[in-house]
Amino acid sequence: MTRPFGTRPDKPTAAFAFELRVVRAHIADAILMKGAENRSDPGRWRPLVMSFCQFYGLGERVCESTLAKIPEEAYRPVAHMAR
């Protein structure tokens, strides 16, 4: 399902949200739990998460983000009006 957001009557739709259903996932052998085919070992899994345009692992920031260097106004779909 696709849903527009950030719309204004005076401008075309700037962004879309996509709703999906995951039917299958694949996991790297390196993070499988020993002796189990379908279980990941949380001690081996090191996810990369983007939070507020910065990349984090399970603790500190992992690496620089190119997106974080872009002024927010450059990619914001709708300019906010001053109040």
C-alpha atoms as a PDB file:
ATOM      1  CA  MET A   1       0.000   0.000   0.000  1.00  0.00           C
ATOM      2  CA  THR A   2       1.280   3.495  -0.826  1.00  0.00           C
ATOM      3  CA  ARG A   3       0.323   6.579   1.144  1.00  0.00           C
ATOM      4  CA  PRO A   4       1.279  10.150   0.269  1.00  0.00           C
ATOM      5  CA  PHE A   5       2.443  12.459   3.047  1.00  0.00           C
ATOM      6  CA  GLY A   6       3.798  15.968   3.312  1.00  0.00           C
ATOM      7  CA  THR A   7       1.110  17.160   0.911  1.00  0.00           C
ATOM      8  CA  ARG A   8      -0.108  20.698   0.486  1.00  0.00           C
ATOM      9  CA  PRO A   9      -2.916  21.982  -1.732  1.00  0.00           C
ATOM     10  CA  ASP A  10      -0.509  24.287  -3.593  1.00  0.00           C
ATOM     11  CA  LYS A  11       2.217  21.678  -4.306  1.00  0.00           C
ATOM     12  CA  PRO A  12       2.396  18.142  -5.704  1.00  0.00           C
ATOM     13  CA  THR A  13       2.964  15.238  -3.317  1.00  0.00           C
ATOM     14  CA  ALA A  14       6.557  15.337  -2.094  1.00  0.00           C
ATOM     15  CA  ALA A  15       6.905  11.953  -0.403  1.00  0.00           C
ATOM     16  CA  PHE A  16       5.267   8.541  -0.097  1.00  0.00           C
ATOM     17  CA  ALA A  17       5.183   5.920   2.636  1.00  0.00           C
ATOM     18  CA  PHE A  18       5.110   2.255   1.611  1.00  0.00           C
ATOM     19  CA  GLU A  19       3.444  -0.416   3.706  1.00  0.00           C
ATOM     20  CA  LEU A  20       4.744  -3.934   3.067  1.00  0.00           C
ATOM     21  CA  ARG A  21       4.357  -7.432   4.352  1.00  0.00           C
ATOM     22  CA  VAL A  22       7.601  -9.366   4.862  1.00  0.00           C
ATOM     23  CA  VAL A  23       7.182 -12.983   3.750  1.00  0.00           C
ATOM     24  CA  ARG A  24      10.765 -14.192   4.055  1.00  0.00           C
ATOM     25  CA  ALA A  25      13.993 -12.987   5.645  1.00  0.00           C
ATOM     26  CA  HIS A  26      17.546 -14.209   5.187  1.00  0.00           C
ATOM     27  CA  ILE A  27      20.245 -14.236   7.841  1.00  0.00           C
ATOM     28  CA  ALA A  28      24.012 -14.486   7.402  1.00  0.00           C
ATOM     29  CA  ASP A  29      25.464 -17.822   8.556  1.00  0.00           C
ATOM     30  CA  ALA A  30      27.980 -15.896  10.676  1.00  0.00           C
ATOM     31  CA  ILE A  31      25.271 -14.748  13.080  1.00  0.00           C
ATOM     32  CA  LEU A  32      23.311 -18.001  13.380  1.00  0.00           C
ATOM     33  CA  MET A  33      23.156 -19.613  16.804  1.00  0.00           C
ATOM     34  CA  LYS A  34      25.339 -22.714  16.928  1.00  0.00           C
ATOM     35  CA  GLY A  35      23.254 -25.848  16.476  1.00  0.00           C
ATOM     36  CA  ALA A  36      20.154 -23.947  15.352  1.00  0.00           C
ATOM     37  CA  GLU A  37      19.045 -23.395  11.756  1.00  0.00           C
ATOM     38  CA  ASN A  38      16.496 -20.661  12.365  1.00  0.00           C
ATOM     39  CA  ARG A  39      17.799 -18.618  15.291  1.00  0.00           C
ATOM     40  CA  SER A  40      20.120 -15.661  15.329  1.00  0.00           C
ATOM     41  CA  ASP A  41      22.690 -15.329  18.089  1.00  0.00           C
ATOM     42  CA  PRO A  42      22.163 -11.902  19.707  1.00  0.00           C
ATOM     43  CA  GLY A  43      25.824 -11.922  20.792  1.00  0.00           C
ATOM     44  CA  ARG A  44      26.939 -12.040  17.142  1.00  0.00           C
ATOM     45  CA  TRP A  45      24.387  -9.686  15.629  1.00  0.00           C
ATOM     46  CA  ARG A  46      25.582  -6.106  15.220  1.00  0.00           C
ATOM     47  CA  PRO A  47      22.744  -4.114  13.657  1.00  0.00           C
ATOM     48  CA  LEU A  48      23.306  -0.739  12.039  1.00  0.00           C
ATOM     49  CA  VAL A  49      20.537   1.702  12.899  1.00  0.00           C
ATOM     50  CA  MET A  50      19.985   5.220  11.581  1.00  0.00           C
ATOM     51  CA  SER A  51      18.792   7.558  14.287  1.00  0.00           C
ATOM     52  CA  PHE A  52      18.354  11.253  13.525  1.00  0.00           C
ATOM     53  CA  CYS A  53      20.543  10.951  10.398  1.00  0.00           C
ATOM     54  CA  GLN A  54      23.425   9.300  12.294  1.00  0.00           C
ATOM     55  CA  PHE A  55      24.516   5.632  12.198  1.00  0.00           C
ATOM     56  CA  TYR A  56      24.592   3.692  15.477  1.00  0.00           C
ATOM     57  CA  GLY A  57      25.342   0.105  16.438  1.00  0.00           C
ATOM     58  CA  LEU A  58      24.446  -1.221  19.865  1.00  0.00           C
ATOM     59  CA  GLY A  59      26.063   1.759  21.607  1.00  0.00           C
ATOM     60  CA  GLU A  60      28.099   4.667  20.300  1.00  0.00           C
ATOM     61  CA  ARG A  61      27.847   6.237  16.849  1.00  0.00           C
ATOM     62  CA  VAL A  62      29.480   3.886  14.325  1.00  0.00           C
ATOM     63  CA  CYS A  63      30.401   6.124  11.397  1.00  0.00           C
ATOM     64  CA  GLU A  64      29.825   9.470   9.725  1.00  0.00           C
ATOM     65  CA  SER A  65      26.624   9.939   7.756  1.00  0.00           C
ATOM     66  CA  THR A  66      26.596  11.886   4.494  1.00  0.00           C
ATOM     67  CA  LEU A  67      22.887  12.555   5.049  1.00  0.00           C
ATOM     68  CA  ALA A  68      23.671  14.263   8.363  1.00  0.00           C
ATOM     69  CA  LYS A  69      25.808  16.838   6.515  1.00  0.00           C
ATOM     70  CA  ILE A  70      22.908  18.027   4.331  1.00  0.00           C
ATOM     71  CA  PRO A  71      20.873  20.916   5.797  1.00  0.00           C
ATOM     72  CA  GLU A  72      17.500  19.500   6.847  1.00  0.00           C
ATOM     73  CA  GLU A  73      15.641  22.101   4.782  1.00  0.00           C
ATOM     74  CA  ALA A  74      17.164  20.620   1.607  1.00  0.00           C
ATOM     75  CA  TYR A  75      15.290  17.311   1.935  1.00  0.00           C
ATOM     76  CA  ARG A  76      12.288  18.271   4.052  1.00  0.00           C
ATOM     77  CA  PRO A  77       9.153  17.718   1.902  1.00  0.00           C
ATOM     78  CA  VAL A  78       7.254  20.703   3.287  1.00  0.00           C
ATOM     79  CA  ALA A  79       8.759  23.903   4.663  1.00  0.00           C
ATOM     80  CA  HIS A  80       7.414  24.671   8.114  1.00  0.00           C
ATOM     81  CA  MET A  81       5.849  28.050   8.585  1.00  0.00           C
ATOM     82  CA  ALA A  82       7.213  30.300  11.358  1.00  0.00           C
ATOM     83  CA  ARG A  83       4.733  30.690  14.176  1.00  0.00           C
END
